[in-house]
Amino acid sequence: MLCLFLTCTAAACLCFLLSSLIRVFAVAQLTLALCYVLMMFDSIGDWLSWLQYFSIFKYGMTALYIIEFKDRQFCNGTDPTDW
């Protein structure tokens, strides 16, 4: 719960920062959308993958994935005895 709160607070702080720096609303909104897209660069290409380390959303989502899925075992779907 703390991780989700901190991720939302960091996102809100980023929104406040960009809204105070950029006067045009459309440009600020586009910049925020690009910040969110940065965390999806794993599948885009190796030459852009370094940009994912600037995204606060990537770290927040990674922490939430670890909290949610650690110590769980999933079947791979090929062996019916695993179900």
C-alpha atoms as a PDB file:
ATOM      1  CA  MET A   1       0.000   0.000   0.000  1.00  0.00           C
ATOM      2  CA  LEU A   2       2.870   2.341   0.787  1.00  0.00           C
ATOM      3  CA  CYS A   3       4.446   1.665  -2.594  1.00  0.00           C
ATOM      4  CA  LEU A   4       1.225   2.555  -4.407  1.00  0.00           C
ATOM      5  CA  PHE A   5       0.873   5.737  -2.364  1.00  0.00           C
ATOM      6  CA  LEU A   6       4.456   6.789  -3.082  1.00  0.00           C
ATOM      7  CA  THR A   7       4.091   6.072  -6.812  1.00  0.00           C
ATOM      8  CA  CYS A   8       0.916   8.164  -7.006  1.00  0.00           C
ATOM      9  CA  THR A   9       2.520  10.965  -5.014  1.00  0.00           C
ATOM     10  CA  ALA A  10       5.581  10.984  -7.276  1.00  0.00           C
ATOM     11  CA  ALA A  11       3.326  11.089 -10.345  1.00  0.00           C
ATOM     12  CA  ALA A  12       1.335  13.989  -8.876  1.00  0.00           C
ATOM     13  CA  CYS A  13       4.564  15.844  -8.082  1.00  0.00           C
ATOM     14  CA  LEU A  14       5.726  15.336 -11.657  1.00  0.00           C
ATOM     15  CA  CYS A  15       2.401  16.695 -12.918  1.00  0.00           C
ATOM     16  CA  PHE A  16       2.703  19.772 -10.705  1.00  0.00           C
ATOM     17  CA  LEU A  17       6.285  20.320 -11.802  1.00  0.00           C
ATOM     18  CA  LEU A  18       5.516  20.132 -15.497  1.00  0.00           C
ATOM     19  CA  SER A  19       2.373  22.245 -15.187  1.00  0.00           C
ATOM     20  CA  SER A  20       4.380  24.986 -13.503  1.00  0.00           C
ATOM     21  CA  LEU A  21       7.165  24.849 -16.088  1.00  0.00           C
ATOM     22  CA  ILE A  22       5.125  24.560 -19.299  1.00  0.00           C
ATOM     23  CA  ARG A  23       2.530  27.224 -20.038  1.00  0.00           C
ATOM     24  CA  VAL A  24       0.679  25.434 -22.873  1.00  0.00           C
ATOM     25  CA  PHE A  25      -1.606  22.711 -21.506  1.00  0.00           C
ATOM     26  CA  ALA A  26      -1.416  20.466 -24.576  1.00  0.00           C
ATOM     27  CA  VAL A  27       2.382  20.425 -24.519  1.00  0.00           C
ATOM     28  CA  ALA A  28       2.425  19.647 -20.779  1.00  0.00           C
ATOM     29  CA  GLN A  29      -0.056  16.810 -21.257  1.00  0.00           C
ATOM     30  CA  LEU A  30       1.968  15.374 -24.125  1.00  0.00           C
ATOM     31  CA  THR A  31       5.143  15.557 -22.054  1.00  0.00           C
ATOM     32  CA  LEU A  32       3.477  13.672 -19.203  1.00  0.00           C
ATOM     33  CA  ALA A  33       2.230  11.017 -21.612  1.00  0.00           C
ATOM     34  CA  LEU A  34       5.767  10.557 -22.907  1.00  0.00           C
ATOM     35  CA  CYS A  35       7.024  10.127 -19.344  1.00  0.00           C
ATOM     36  CA  TYR A  36       4.547   7.295 -18.880  1.00  0.00           C
ATOM     37  CA  VAL A  37       5.470   5.700 -22.202  1.00  0.00           C
ATOM     38  CA  LEU A  38       9.130   5.598 -21.153  1.00  0.00           C
ATOM     39  CA  MET A  39       8.446   2.605 -18.939  1.00  0.00           C
ATOM     40  CA  MET A  40       7.327   0.538 -21.940  1.00  0.00           C
ATOM     41  CA  PHE A  41      10.638   0.792 -23.816  1.00  0.00           C
ATOM     42  CA  ASP A  42      11.555  -2.839 -23.145  1.00  0.00           C
ATOM     43  CA  SER A  43       9.861  -3.893 -26.357  1.00  0.00           C
ATOM     44  CA  ILE A  44      10.704  -0.911 -28.573  1.00  0.00           C
ATOM     45  CA  GLY A  45      14.398  -1.381 -29.137  1.00  0.00           C
ATOM     46  CA  ASP A  46      17.822  -1.522 -27.631  1.00  0.00           C
ATOM     47  CA  TRP A  47      18.795   1.919 -28.861  1.00  0.00           C
ATOM     48  CA  LEU A  48      15.966   3.514 -26.794  1.00  0.00           C
ATOM     49  CA  SER A  49      16.056   1.197 -23.796  1.00  0.00           C
ATOM     50  CA  TRP A  50      18.299   3.531 -21.777  1.00  0.00           C
ATOM     51  CA  LEU A  51      15.419   6.041 -21.535  1.00  0.00           C
ATOM     52  CA  GLN A  52      13.424   3.737 -19.273  1.00  0.00           C
ATOM     53  CA  TYR A  53      15.723   4.539 -16.362  1.00  0.00           C
ATOM     54  CA  PHE A  54      14.419   8.123 -16.279  1.00  0.00           C
ATOM     55  CA  SER A  55      10.817   7.039 -15.670  1.00  0.00           C
ATOM     56  CA  ILE A  56       9.527   7.101 -12.089  1.00  0.00           C
ATOM     57  CA  PHE A  57       6.593   4.999 -13.219  1.00  0.00           C
ATOM     58  CA  LYS A  58       8.898   2.153 -14.197  1.00  0.00           C
ATOM     59  CA  TYR A  59      10.293   1.870 -10.688  1.00  0.00           C
ATOM     60  CA  GLY A  60       6.866   2.134  -9.095  1.00  0.00           C
ATOM     61  CA  MET A  61       5.334  -0.493 -11.368  1.00  0.00           C
ATOM     62  CA  THR A  62       8.305  -2.817 -10.883  1.00  0.00           C
ATOM     63  CA  ALA A  63       7.935  -2.557  -7.117  1.00  0.00           C
ATOM     64  CA  LEU A  64       4.202  -3.233  -7.367  1.00  0.00           C
ATOM     65  CA  TYR A  65       4.834  -6.293  -9.574  1.00  0.00           C
ATOM     66  CA  ILE A  66       7.316  -7.676  -7.067  1.00  0.00           C
ATOM     67  CA  ILE A  67       4.967  -7.101  -4.134  1.00  0.00           C
ATOM     68  CA  GLU A  68       2.019  -8.671  -5.954  1.00  0.00           C
ATOM     69  CA  PHE A  69       3.642 -11.704  -7.563  1.00  0.00           C
ATOM     70  CA  LYS A  70       6.491 -12.778  -5.275  1.00  0.00           C
ATOM     71  CA  ASP A  71       6.236 -16.259  -3.757  1.00  0.00           C
ATOM     72  CA  ARG A  72       3.574 -17.349  -6.256  1.00  0.00           C
ATOM     73  CA  GLN A  73       3.883 -20.253  -8.629  1.00  0.00           C
ATOM     74  CA  PHE A  74       2.174 -20.373 -11.989  1.00  0.00           C
ATOM     75  CA  CYS A  75       1.716 -23.311 -14.319  1.00  0.00           C
ATOM     76  CA  ASN A  76       3.138 -23.061 -17.807  1.00  0.00           C
ATOM     77  CA  GLY A  77       0.036 -24.569 -19.451  1.00  0.00           C
ATOM     78  CA  THR A  78       1.781 -27.485 -21.156  1.00  0.00           C
ATOM     79  CA  ASP A  79       1.744 -30.075 -18.366  1.00  0.00           C
ATOM     80  CA  PRO A  80      -1.779 -30.968 -17.149  1.00  0.00           C
ATOM     81  CA  THR A  81      -0.403 -32.358 -13.888  1.00  0.00           C
ATOM     82  CA  ASP A  82       0.636 -28.848 -12.861  1.00  0.00           C
ATOM     83  CA  TRP A  83      -2.954 -27.628 -12.808  1.00  0.00           C
END
